[in-house]
N, C-alpha and C. Protein backbone atom coordinates (compact mmCIF):
# COMPACT_ATOMS: atom_id res chain seq x y z
N MET A 1 -5.46 5.57 31.16
CA MET A 1 -6.14 5.46 30.00
C MET A 1 -5.33 4.11 29.66
N SER A 2 -5.88 3.14 28.74
CA SER A 2 -5.42 2.22 28.33
C SER A 2 -4.21 2.36 27.53
N ASN A 3 -3.49 1.88 26.95
CA ASN A 3 -2.58 1.92 25.52
C ASN A 3 -3.53 1.95 24.35
N ASN A 4 -4.44 1.10 24.34
CA ASN A 4 -5.40 1.07 22.87
C ASN A 4 -6.05 2.28 22.66
N ALA A 5 -6.81 3.04 23.92
CA ALA A 5 -7.48 4.08 24.01
C ALA A 5 -6.20 5.25 23.56
N VAL A 6 -5.45 5.73 24.21
CA VAL A 6 -3.95 6.23 23.46
C VAL A 6 -3.61 6.03 22.13
N SER A 7 -3.37 4.99 21.85
CA SER A 7 -3.07 4.92 20.52
C SER A 7 -4.08 5.38 19.40
N TYR A 8 -5.19 4.79 19.40
CA TYR A 8 -6.45 5.22 18.65
C TYR A 8 -6.75 6.78 18.55
N ALA A 9 -6.58 7.64 20.11
CA ALA A 9 -5.93 8.79 20.11
C ALA A 9 -5.29 9.53 19.32
N TYR A 10 -4.15 9.32 19.40
CA TYR A 10 -3.01 9.65 18.26
C TYR A 10 -3.05 9.31 17.04
N ALA A 11 -3.79 7.95 16.32
CA ALA A 11 -4.43 7.46 15.29
C ALA A 11 -5.02 8.61 14.51
N LYS A 12 -6.21 9.15 15.35
CA LYS A 12 -7.23 9.77 15.04
C LYS A 12 -6.37 11.36 14.76
N SER A 13 -5.86 11.71 15.44
CA SER A 13 -5.10 12.86 15.31
C SER A 13 -4.16 12.60 13.99
N ILE A 14 -3.40 11.99 13.80
CA ILE A 14 -2.27 11.85 13.10
C ILE A 14 -3.30 11.58 11.39
N PHE A 15 -4.17 10.61 11.54
CA PHE A 15 -4.97 10.51 10.11
C PHE A 15 -5.62 12.19 9.79
N GLN A 16 -6.16 12.75 11.00
CA GLN A 16 -6.58 14.22 10.36
C GLN A 16 -5.67 14.87 10.01
N LEU A 17 -4.70 15.00 10.84
CA LEU A 17 -3.67 16.38 10.24
C LEU A 17 -2.55 15.61 8.77
N GLY A 18 -3.13 14.17 8.81
CA GLY A 18 -2.47 13.95 7.37
C GLY A 18 -3.66 14.51 6.16
N LYS A 19 -5.06 14.35 6.63
CA LYS A 19 -5.83 14.86 5.56
C LYS A 19 -5.80 16.12 5.31
N ASP A 20 -5.53 16.89 6.48
CA ASP A 20 -5.66 18.54 6.42
C ASP A 20 -4.15 18.83 5.56
N LYS A 21 -3.23 18.20 5.39
CA LYS A 21 -1.72 18.60 4.94
C LYS A 21 -1.71 17.55 3.61
N ASN A 22 -2.84 17.04 3.37
CA ASN A 22 -2.86 16.15 1.84
C ASN A 22 -1.49 15.11 2.05
N CYS A 23 -1.48 14.53 3.05
CA CYS A 23 -0.37 13.84 3.23
C CYS A 23 -0.89 12.22 3.48
N ASP A 24 -0.55 11.43 3.00
CA ASP A 24 -0.75 10.08 2.67
C ASP A 24 -0.05 9.43 4.40
N VAL A 25 -0.69 9.48 5.11
CA VAL A 25 0.39 8.86 6.82
C VAL A 25 0.31 7.64 6.78
N VAL A 26 -0.78 6.84 6.08
CA VAL A 26 -0.81 5.80 6.40
C VAL A 26 -0.14 4.83 5.31
N SER A 27 0.26 5.49 4.20
CA SER A 27 1.47 4.29 3.31
C SER A 27 2.86 5.15 3.84
N GLU A 28 2.99 6.08 4.47
CA GLU A 28 3.95 6.60 5.13
C GLU A 28 4.46 5.63 6.32
N PHE A 29 3.27 5.31 6.98
CA PHE A 29 3.43 4.87 8.15
C PHE A 29 3.82 3.23 7.60
N THR A 30 3.51 2.79 6.94
CA THR A 30 3.61 1.24 6.08
C THR A 30 4.47 1.23 5.71
N LYS A 31 5.01 2.19 5.29
CA LYS A 31 6.88 2.24 4.84
C LYS A 31 7.82 1.87 6.27
N LEU A 32 7.52 2.83 7.24
CA LEU A 32 8.22 2.59 8.26
C LEU A 32 7.97 1.41 8.80
N GLN A 33 6.85 0.77 8.96
CA GLN A 33 6.68 -0.23 9.71
C GLN A 33 7.30 -1.47 8.90
N GLU A 34 7.27 -1.46 7.71
CA GLU A 34 7.76 -2.56 7.02
C GLU A 34 9.31 -2.19 6.76
N ALA A 35 9.95 -1.58 7.23
CA ALA A 35 11.34 -0.74 7.43
C ALA A 35 11.58 -1.83 9.12
N ILE A 36 11.01 -1.54 9.64
CA ILE A 36 10.96 -1.82 11.41
C ILE A 36 10.66 -3.71 11.28
N ASN A 37 9.79 -4.04 10.12
CA ASN A 37 9.54 -5.47 10.55
C ASN A 37 11.10 -6.40 9.63
N SER A 38 11.80 -5.70 8.80
CA SER A 38 12.38 -6.29 7.88
C SER A 38 14.20 -5.92 8.60
N ASN A 39 13.92 -5.47 9.51
CA ASN A 39 15.42 -5.24 10.38
C ASN A 39 15.24 -5.57 12.16
N ASN A 40 15.52 -6.33 12.19
CA ASN A 40 15.54 -6.52 13.80
C ASN A 40 16.22 -5.49 14.80
N HIS A 41 17.63 -5.20 14.13
CA HIS A 41 18.37 -3.93 15.24
C HIS A 41 17.49 -2.81 14.87
N LEU A 42 17.36 -2.38 14.01
CA LEU A 42 16.14 -1.25 14.05
C LEU A 42 15.00 -1.21 15.07
N GLU A 43 14.36 -2.50 15.00
CA GLU A 43 13.21 -2.86 16.24
C GLU A 43 13.97 -2.77 17.27
N THR A 44 14.72 -3.04 17.42
CA THR A 44 15.60 -3.32 19.11
C THR A 44 15.69 -1.94 19.34
N LEU A 45 16.56 -1.05 18.57
CA LEU A 45 16.46 0.65 18.55
C LEU A 45 15.59 1.12 19.01
N MET A 46 14.45 1.33 18.39
CA MET A 46 13.37 1.76 18.22
C MET A 46 12.51 1.68 19.58
N PHE A 47 12.37 -0.13 19.84
CA PHE A 47 11.74 -0.03 21.13
C PHE A 47 11.88 -0.75 22.37
N MET A 48 13.34 -0.86 22.40
CA MET A 48 14.00 -1.20 23.81
C MET A 48 14.55 0.02 24.24
N ASP A 49 14.71 0.35 25.49
CA ASP A 49 15.23 1.03 26.27
C ASP A 49 16.58 0.92 26.52
N VAL A 50 17.60 0.14 25.60
CA VAL A 50 18.96 0.35 25.74
C VAL A 50 19.59 1.15 25.10
N PHE A 51 19.12 2.02 24.44
CA PHE A 51 19.55 3.54 23.74
C PHE A 51 18.73 4.44 24.43
N THR A 52 19.49 5.48 24.38
CA THR A 52 19.15 6.82 24.77
C THR A 52 18.16 7.24 23.71
N VAL A 53 17.09 8.34 24.27
CA VAL A 53 16.57 9.03 23.44
C VAL A 53 17.15 9.68 22.15
N GLU A 54 18.11 10.24 22.48
CA GLU A 54 19.36 11.06 21.10
C GLU A 54 19.83 10.26 20.78
N GLU A 55 20.46 8.87 20.95
CA GLU A 55 20.55 7.79 20.24
C GLU A 55 19.64 7.40 19.30
N LYS A 56 18.60 7.30 19.79
CA LYS A 56 17.56 6.56 18.95
C LYS A 56 17.22 7.49 17.89
N MET A 57 17.03 9.30 18.08
CA MET A 57 16.48 10.02 17.07
C MET A 57 17.63 10.01 15.99
N GLU A 58 19.10 10.12 16.44
CA GLU A 58 20.34 10.42 15.63
C GLU A 58 19.97 9.43 14.43
N VAL A 59 19.58 7.76 14.74
CA VAL A 59 19.68 6.89 14.03
C VAL A 59 18.49 7.05 13.36
N VAL A 60 17.54 7.30 13.94
CA VAL A 60 15.96 7.33 13.33
C VAL A 60 16.01 8.81 12.38
N LYS A 61 16.67 9.62 12.19
CA LYS A 61 16.39 10.48 11.45
C LYS A 61 16.76 10.10 10.08
N SER A 62 18.21 9.27 10.18
CA SER A 62 19.04 8.90 8.84
C SER A 62 17.77 8.11 8.26
N ILE A 63 17.22 7.13 8.96
CA ILE A 63 16.08 6.21 8.17
C ILE A 63 14.92 6.95 7.41
N LEU A 64 14.73 8.10 8.51
CA LEU A 64 13.27 8.50 8.20
C LEU A 64 13.64 9.37 7.02
N GLU A 65 14.83 9.90 6.44
CA GLU A 65 15.04 10.41 5.36
C GLU A 65 15.02 9.69 4.25
N LYS A 66 15.79 8.28 4.50
CA LYS A 66 16.15 7.39 3.09
C LYS A 66 14.87 6.76 2.70
N LEU A 67 13.97 6.65 3.64
CA LEU A 67 12.57 6.09 3.51
C LEU A 67 11.14 7.60 2.67
N SER A 68 12.36 8.51 2.52
CA SER A 68 11.57 10.06 1.94
C SER A 68 10.13 10.52 2.69
N LEU A 69 10.43 10.49 3.78
CA LEU A 69 8.89 10.60 4.83
C LEU A 69 8.99 11.85 4.51
N SER A 70 7.59 12.29 4.75
CA SER A 70 7.12 14.01 4.74
C SER A 70 7.31 14.39 6.27
N ASP A 71 7.47 15.65 6.17
CA ASP A 71 8.12 16.09 7.79
C ASP A 71 6.67 15.97 8.85
N LEU A 72 5.68 15.66 8.60
CA LEU A 72 4.71 15.47 9.17
C LEU A 72 5.28 14.22 9.94
N THR A 73 5.23 13.06 8.98
CA THR A 73 5.41 11.82 9.72
C THR A 73 6.59 11.81 10.40
N LYS A 74 7.66 12.36 9.96
CA LYS A 74 9.01 12.55 10.58
C LYS A 74 8.54 13.45 12.34
N ASN A 75 7.92 14.24 11.99
CA ASN A 75 7.22 14.99 13.75
C ASN A 75 7.20 14.16 14.49
N VAL A 76 6.04 13.49 13.70
CA VAL A 76 5.41 12.67 14.75
C VAL A 76 6.12 11.36 15.33
N ILE A 77 6.84 10.99 14.73
CA ILE A 77 8.03 9.92 15.23
C ILE A 77 8.94 10.33 15.98
N ASN A 78 9.57 11.72 15.73
CA ASN A 78 10.14 12.44 16.91
C ASN A 78 9.51 12.81 18.04
N PHE A 79 8.38 13.48 18.02
CA PHE A 79 7.51 13.42 19.21
C PHE A 79 7.47 12.28 19.86
N LEU A 80 7.26 10.79 19.45
CA LEU A 80 7.06 9.78 19.88
C LEU A 80 8.10 9.39 20.52
N LEU A 81 9.26 9.19 19.95
CA LEU A 81 10.47 9.13 20.54
C LEU A 81 10.90 9.95 22.00
N THR A 82 10.73 11.55 21.23
CA THR A 82 10.86 12.46 22.84
C THR A 82 9.95 12.03 23.78
N GLU A 83 8.77 11.87 23.86
CA GLU A 83 7.61 11.50 24.71
C GLU A 83 7.99 10.14 25.32
N LYS A 84 8.62 9.49 25.07
CA LYS A 84 9.02 7.86 25.26
C LYS A 84 7.37 7.14 25.11
N ARG A 85 6.98 7.47 23.67
CA ARG A 85 6.00 6.64 23.64
C ARG A 85 5.99 5.97 21.92
N ILE A 86 6.92 5.89 21.83
CA ILE A 86 7.13 5.14 20.76
C ILE A 86 6.67 3.23 20.44
N GLY A 87 6.90 3.00 21.91
CA GLY A 87 6.45 1.72 21.74
C GLY A 87 4.82 1.46 21.37
N LEU A 88 4.24 2.97 21.48
CA LEU A 88 2.87 2.76 20.82
C LEU A 88 2.60 2.93 19.41
N PHE A 89 4.06 2.81 18.72
CA PHE A 89 3.84 3.12 17.21
C PHE A 89 3.01 1.96 16.50
N PRO A 90 3.28 0.59 16.99
CA PRO A 90 3.04 -0.89 16.29
C PRO A 90 1.11 -0.20 16.28
N LEU A 91 0.97 -0.21 17.20
CA LEU A 91 -0.77 -0.04 17.85
C LEU A 91 -1.56 1.35 17.45
N ILE A 92 -0.40 2.41 17.00
CA ILE A 92 -1.10 3.41 16.49
C ILE A 92 -1.23 3.31 14.67
N PHE A 93 -0.18 2.47 14.31
CA PHE A 93 0.06 1.67 12.94
C PHE A 93 -1.40 1.30 12.65
N LYS A 94 -1.85 0.13 13.41
CA LYS A 94 -2.91 -0.80 13.23
C LYS A 94 -3.86 0.34 13.58
N ASP A 95 -4.15 1.15 14.08
CA ASP A 95 -5.22 2.07 14.30
C ASP A 95 -5.49 2.89 13.16
N LEU A 96 -4.29 3.32 12.43
CA LEU A 96 -4.43 4.32 11.11
C LEU A 96 -4.71 3.17 10.24
N VAL A 97 -4.65 2.18 9.75
CA VAL A 97 -4.94 1.57 8.78
C VAL A 97 -6.50 1.40 8.83
N VAL A 98 -7.24 1.03 10.30
CA VAL A 98 -8.29 0.72 10.69
C VAL A 98 -9.14 1.84 10.04
N ILE A 99 -8.85 3.24 10.44
CA ILE A 99 -9.43 4.52 10.54
C ILE A 99 -9.57 4.69 8.68
N ASP A 100 -8.43 4.52 8.15
CA ASP A 100 -8.15 4.67 6.79
C ASP A 100 -9.45 4.08 6.09
N ASP A 101 -9.42 2.34 6.40
CA ASP A 101 -10.19 1.37 5.63
C ASP A 101 -11.54 2.11 5.80
N ASN A 102 -11.72 2.44 7.34
CA ASN A 102 -13.07 3.03 7.35
C ASN A 102 -13.58 4.02 6.72
N GLU A 103 -12.35 5.29 6.44
CA GLU A 103 -12.79 6.38 5.63
C GLU A 103 -13.13 6.00 4.28
N LYS A 104 -12.16 5.20 3.52
CA LYS A 104 -12.62 4.26 2.22
C LYS A 104 -13.64 3.68 2.15
N GLY A 105 -14.52 3.53 3.60
CA GLY A 105 -15.90 2.56 3.06
C GLY A 105 -15.84 1.01 3.23
N PHE A 106 -14.68 0.37 3.82
CA PHE A 106 -14.75 -1.08 3.76
C PHE A 106 -14.06 -1.41 5.25
N LEU A 107 -14.03 -2.70 5.27
CA LEU A 107 -12.92 -3.10 6.71
C LEU A 107 -12.42 -4.11 6.47
N ARG A 108 -11.69 -4.50 6.94
CA ARG A 108 -10.68 -5.53 7.05
C ARG A 108 -11.14 -6.80 8.05
N GLY A 109 -10.91 -7.72 8.06
CA GLY A 109 -10.79 -8.83 9.17
C GLY A 109 -10.17 -9.72 8.89
N THR A 110 -9.99 -10.67 9.84
CA THR A 110 -9.86 -12.16 9.80
C THR A 110 -10.74 -13.16 9.84
N VAL A 111 -10.26 -14.66 9.03
CA VAL A 111 -11.29 -15.54 9.44
C VAL A 111 -10.27 -16.66 9.74
N ARG A 112 -10.53 -17.25 10.80
CA ARG A 112 -10.01 -18.51 11.33
C ARG A 112 -10.53 -19.69 11.18
N GLY A 113 -10.18 -20.77 10.81
CA GLY A 113 -10.56 -22.23 10.48
C GLY A 113 -9.60 -23.19 10.61
N SER A 114 -9.90 -24.28 10.38
CA SER A 114 -8.91 -25.66 10.83
C SER A 114 -8.88 -25.55 9.11
N ASP A 115 -9.19 -25.29 8.20
CA ASP A 115 -9.06 -25.72 6.76
C ASP A 115 -7.92 -24.73 6.72
N GLU A 116 -7.03 -25.45 5.27
CA GLU A 116 -6.05 -24.91 4.81
C GLU A 116 -6.26 -23.57 4.29
N SER A 117 -7.14 -23.87 3.46
CA SER A 117 -7.76 -22.35 2.89
C SER A 117 -9.08 -22.22 3.02
N LEU A 118 -9.55 -21.11 2.34
CA LEU A 118 -10.95 -20.92 2.85
C LEU A 118 -11.60 -20.89 1.12
N SER A 119 -12.72 -21.96 0.98
CA SER A 119 -13.13 -21.98 -0.24
C SER A 119 -13.57 -20.50 -0.61
N LYS A 120 -13.75 -20.21 -1.92
CA LYS A 120 -14.29 -19.10 -2.40
C LYS A 120 -15.62 -18.57 -2.52
N GLU A 121 -16.35 -19.69 -2.04
CA GLU A 121 -17.95 -20.23 -1.99
C GLU A 121 -18.07 -19.66 -0.48
N ASP A 122 -17.02 -20.34 0.35
CA ASP A 122 -17.63 -20.09 1.62
C ASP A 122 -17.15 -18.39 2.22
N GLU A 123 -15.82 -17.76 1.65
CA GLU A 123 -15.65 -16.53 1.55
C GLU A 123 -16.80 -15.29 1.04
N ASN A 124 -17.20 -16.25 -0.27
CA ASN A 124 -18.51 -15.37 -0.50
C ASN A 124 -19.68 -15.09 0.42
N LEU A 125 -20.02 -16.14 0.87
CA LEU A 125 -21.13 -16.84 2.08
C LEU A 125 -21.29 -15.52 2.94
N LEU A 126 -19.49 -15.65 3.95
CA LEU A 126 -19.06 -15.11 4.97
C LEU A 126 -19.49 -13.51 4.13
N VAL A 127 -18.82 -13.02 3.63
CA VAL A 127 -18.47 -11.74 3.19
C VAL A 127 -20.18 -11.15 2.78
N GLY A 128 -20.66 -12.10 2.52
CA GLY A 128 -22.15 -11.14 1.77
C GLY A 128 -22.77 -11.25 3.45
N PHE A 129 -22.95 -12.22 4.09
CA PHE A 129 -23.70 -11.85 5.80
C PHE A 129 -23.15 -10.89 6.61
N ILE A 130 -21.76 -10.83 6.41
CA ILE A 130 -21.45 -9.83 7.48
C ILE A 130 -21.63 -8.24 6.79
N LYS A 131 -21.61 -8.27 5.13
CA LYS A 131 -21.67 -7.12 4.54
C LYS A 131 -22.86 -6.47 5.03
N GLY A 132 -24.10 -7.59 4.78
CA GLY A 132 -25.58 -7.51 5.11
C GLY A 132 -25.53 -6.90 7.03
N GLN A 133 -24.73 -7.58 7.76
CA GLN A 133 -25.22 -6.72 9.66
C GLN A 133 -24.26 -5.34 9.14
N LEU A 134 -22.93 -5.47 8.78
CA LEU A 134 -22.31 -3.67 8.83
C LEU A 134 -22.82 -3.05 7.97
N GLY A 135 -22.76 -3.28 6.61
CA GLY A 135 -23.33 -2.08 5.70
C GLY A 135 -21.84 -1.54 4.80
N LYS A 136 -20.80 -2.06 5.06
CA LYS A 136 -19.65 -1.87 4.65
C LYS A 136 -19.27 -3.01 3.58
N GLU A 137 -18.30 -2.54 2.60
CA GLU A 137 -17.45 -3.91 1.97
C GLU A 137 -16.77 -4.39 3.06
N ILE A 138 -16.51 -5.67 2.63
CA ILE A 138 -15.46 -6.29 3.38
C ILE A 138 -14.60 -7.01 2.87
N VAL A 139 -13.30 -6.89 3.29
CA VAL A 139 -12.02 -7.70 2.89
C VAL A 139 -11.59 -8.63 3.94
N LEU A 140 -11.68 -9.98 3.75
CA LEU A 140 -11.16 -10.96 4.41
C LEU A 140 -9.45 -11.54 4.19
N GLU A 141 -9.00 -11.66 5.27
CA GLU A 141 -7.93 -12.67 5.28
C GLU A 141 -8.15 -13.86 5.68
N TYR A 142 -7.52 -15.05 5.49
CA TYR A 142 -7.75 -16.61 6.00
C TYR A 142 -6.46 -16.56 6.86
N GLN A 143 -6.75 -17.21 8.10
CA GLN A 143 -5.63 -17.74 9.07
C GLN A 143 -6.07 -19.38 9.35
N ASN A 144 -5.39 -20.23 8.87
CA ASN A 144 -5.35 -21.73 9.66
C ASN A 144 -4.88 -21.51 10.84
N ASP A 145 -5.90 -22.15 11.61
CA ASP A 145 -5.72 -21.94 13.60
C ASP A 145 -6.17 -23.21 13.90
N SER A 146 -5.20 -23.89 14.31
CA SER A 146 -5.48 -25.39 14.94
C SER A 146 -6.54 -25.34 16.03
N ARG A 147 -6.67 -24.22 16.76
CA ARG A 147 -8.11 -24.65 17.98
C ARG A 147 -9.34 -24.23 17.44
N VAL A 148 -9.55 -23.68 16.40
CA VAL A 148 -10.60 -24.18 15.48
C VAL A 148 -10.96 -25.82 14.87
N THR A 149 -12.07 -26.20 15.52
CA THR A 149 -12.15 -27.89 15.30
C THR A 149 -12.53 -28.10 13.81
N ALA A 150 -13.97 -27.20 13.87
CA ALA A 150 -14.57 -26.97 12.58
C ALA A 150 -14.98 -25.72 12.60
N GLY A 151 -15.59 -25.41 11.40
CA GLY A 151 -16.10 -23.92 11.16
C GLY A 151 -15.28 -22.86 11.40
N TYR A 152 -15.87 -21.59 11.20
CA TYR A 152 -14.81 -20.30 11.16
C TYR A 152 -15.14 -19.25 12.43
N ARG A 153 -14.35 -18.66 12.84
CA ARG A 153 -13.96 -17.50 13.53
C ARG A 153 -13.56 -15.92 12.94
N VAL A 154 -14.85 -15.12 12.88
CA VAL A 154 -14.45 -13.96 12.10
C VAL A 154 -14.32 -13.10 12.87
N GLU A 155 -13.33 -11.94 12.90
CA GLU A 155 -13.08 -10.98 13.85
C GLU A 155 -12.33 -9.43 12.59
N ILE A 156 -13.18 -8.67 13.14
CA ILE A 156 -13.35 -7.62 11.84
C ILE A 156 -13.24 -6.51 13.18
N GLY A 157 -12.17 -5.79 13.21
CA GLY A 157 -12.65 -4.87 14.51
C GLY A 157 -13.32 -5.16 15.79
N ASP A 158 -13.95 -4.74 16.25
CA ASP A 158 -14.84 -5.15 17.45
C ASP A 158 -16.11 -6.03 17.40
N TYR A 159 -16.19 -6.17 15.96
CA TYR A 159 -17.53 -7.60 15.38
C TYR A 159 -16.63 -8.38 15.30
N GLN A 160 -17.36 -9.80 16.13
CA GLN A 160 -16.90 -11.05 15.87
C GLN A 160 -18.20 -11.69 15.57
N LEU A 161 -17.61 -12.81 14.93
CA LEU A 161 -18.85 -13.96 14.54
C LEU A 161 -18.07 -15.23 14.62
N ASP A 162 -18.70 -15.83 15.81
CA ASP A 162 -17.93 -17.02 15.65
C ASP A 162 -19.03 -18.51 15.30
N ALA A 163 -18.59 -18.87 14.68
CA ALA A 163 -19.28 -19.72 13.99
C ALA A 163 -18.79 -21.18 13.68
N THR A 164 -18.00 -21.74 15.12
CA THR A 164 -17.11 -22.83 14.84
C THR A 164 -18.23 -23.75 15.89
N LEU A 165 -17.59 -25.20 15.55
CA LEU A 165 -18.44 -26.08 16.18
C LEU A 165 -17.96 -26.06 17.78
N ASP A 166 -16.95 -25.81 18.07
CA ASP A 166 -17.17 -25.40 19.48
C ASP A 166 -17.72 -24.63 20.67
N ASN A 167 -17.98 -23.20 19.75
CA ASN A 167 -19.20 -22.36 20.07
C ASN A 167 -20.49 -23.14 20.22
N GLN A 168 -20.78 -23.84 18.78
CA GLN A 168 -21.78 -24.23 19.26
C GLN A 168 -22.54 -25.32 20.34
N LEU A 169 -21.24 -26.34 20.32
CA LEU A 169 -21.75 -27.12 21.38
C LEU A 169 -21.49 -26.44 22.80
N ASN A 170 -20.61 -25.50 23.21
CA ASN A 170 -20.67 -24.89 24.46
C ASN A 170 -22.13 -24.05 24.33
N LYS A 171 -22.75 -23.47 23.39
CA LYS A 171 -24.12 -23.10 23.76
C LYS A 171 -25.09 -24.38 24.04
N LEU A 172 -25.28 -25.20 23.39
CA LEU A 172 -25.94 -26.49 23.33
C LEU A 172 -25.80 -26.51 25.09
N LYS A 173 -24.67 -26.99 25.32
CA LYS A 173 -24.47 -27.19 26.92
C LYS A 173 -25.20 -26.10 27.65
N GLU A 174 -24.82 -24.59 27.43
CA GLU A 174 -25.32 -24.21 28.32
C GLU A 174 -26.58 -24.21 28.59
N GLU A 175 -27.34 -24.28 27.27
CA GLU A 175 -28.73 -24.63 27.28
C GLU A 175 -29.31 -25.58 28.26
N ILE A 176 -28.75 -26.74 27.95
CA ILE A 176 -28.93 -28.15 28.71
C ILE A 176 -28.92 -27.80 29.97
N ILE A 177 -27.83 -27.21 30.56
CA ILE A 177 -27.54 -26.85 32.17
C ILE A 177 -28.81 -26.01 32.45
N ASN A 178 -29.21 -24.89 31.99
CA ASN A 178 -30.05 -23.75 32.24
C ASN A 178 -31.24 -24.34 32.04
N PHE A 179 -31.69 -25.38 31.18
CA PHE A 179 -33.04 -25.85 31.26
C PHE A 179 -33.56 -26.20 32.47
């Protein structure tokens, strides 16, 4: 089973446990992810095999306490450490956010383009089109991408929309070759 499938299974279970226990695991995992992102030493401790599980658990225990996380989140992190699955934490976190967004009735995605920013008009057109396709509210984040010559590439989970000049030229090339 791939890491993506495993992390998604964990995320679904964690999300359901959080719902059952009335615990916002997504915000708690967000707190922990932000702590990890802000401290290279913590990231090294958690994800590199330099330290033993016991050493990791001792340090992580105090961090989880300082972050005031629920027993559920603490138990999940301890389980991931004990089972040597903590490397899946970033994937589980990402999947938890997606599951939470879906539960709330909207999807997050990324728009990549060659411009410095996405105009409000283009954003409204993209959101309207994609909302019509998927039937959910859409939240888009724009990223400048030098690999995009012109147009936009949208990624929302499994949904991808490639409205780039390069994609259009490749399609035309294939049509001419297959004609």
